[in-house]
Amino acid sequence: MVNTAINSKYWYIRSHQLFNQLQEEDYKELEWISGFKSCKKNEFLYFPDNDNRKVYFIKNGFVKLGTYDDEGNEIILDILKKDDVFGNISLGENEHNSEFAVALTNDTVLCNFNVRELEKIFERRPTLAIKFTKKVGERQLSVTRRFSKIIFKDARQRLIEFFKEQVLDSGIKETKNIKLTNHLTHSDIAGLNGLARQTVTSILNQFKEEDILIADRKYFIIPDLQLLK
């Protein structure tokens, strides 16, 4: 069991685009200071106000990031996938004290680093620090673009754009008989698109009646992507 975990860390770290072109001693140090965590569906990885001093890389699965408003309502910030980075990504002191992270699938596996130990490597390898900052910036820009794209669209068009992005992110090239694994609740979809859960449920029912998208607990099925409009 231990050897399996070590091998997993070895191959994940050395295959991640952020860590390529490092020297051998850097790889060994990264393997030494990293930890692996297998998560269950709906398992919280950290809560608001936690003293979170770790940076997480997603090896497998999906993670939901969110926060709560003054009334205690959940606000979804992002849904992260394989190779995405989250946690104390500014490498500051307890940066995300208002944020929570929760695993969305049973197969979610994380590679994590203590912030201070990762900082030490960045100090010796400025190029690695720049790549890390760029990756974090790209994700934050993606979130900004997502919200800017939906802000002037009606509810139906927001969901159409959302599912088209899901197809794009999945890497699927086909345009017909598309089958996407569903790891989101109607509330999750609503939160990601600035809608009420009841609105999402109503529109998904419309999509089903029009035979342009079928949603169940396991999959989203799109018979023809060109008809999703």
Foldseek 3Di string as FASTA:
>chain_A
DVVVQLVVLLVVQDPQPLNDPDDPVVSVLLSVQKDKDQDAAFAWPDAAQDFWQKKKAKQAAKKWKWFADPVRDIATQDIDGHGAMDTPLVLDGSPRNRMIMTTLHRGIMIMMGGSVSVVVVCVVPVVSVVSSVVRVVVVVVVSVVLQVVQVPPDPLVNVLVVVVVVCVVVVDPDFAFDKDFDSDDLCRVCSSRVHDSVSSVVSQVVCVVVQQWHDDNTIITGGGNVPSD
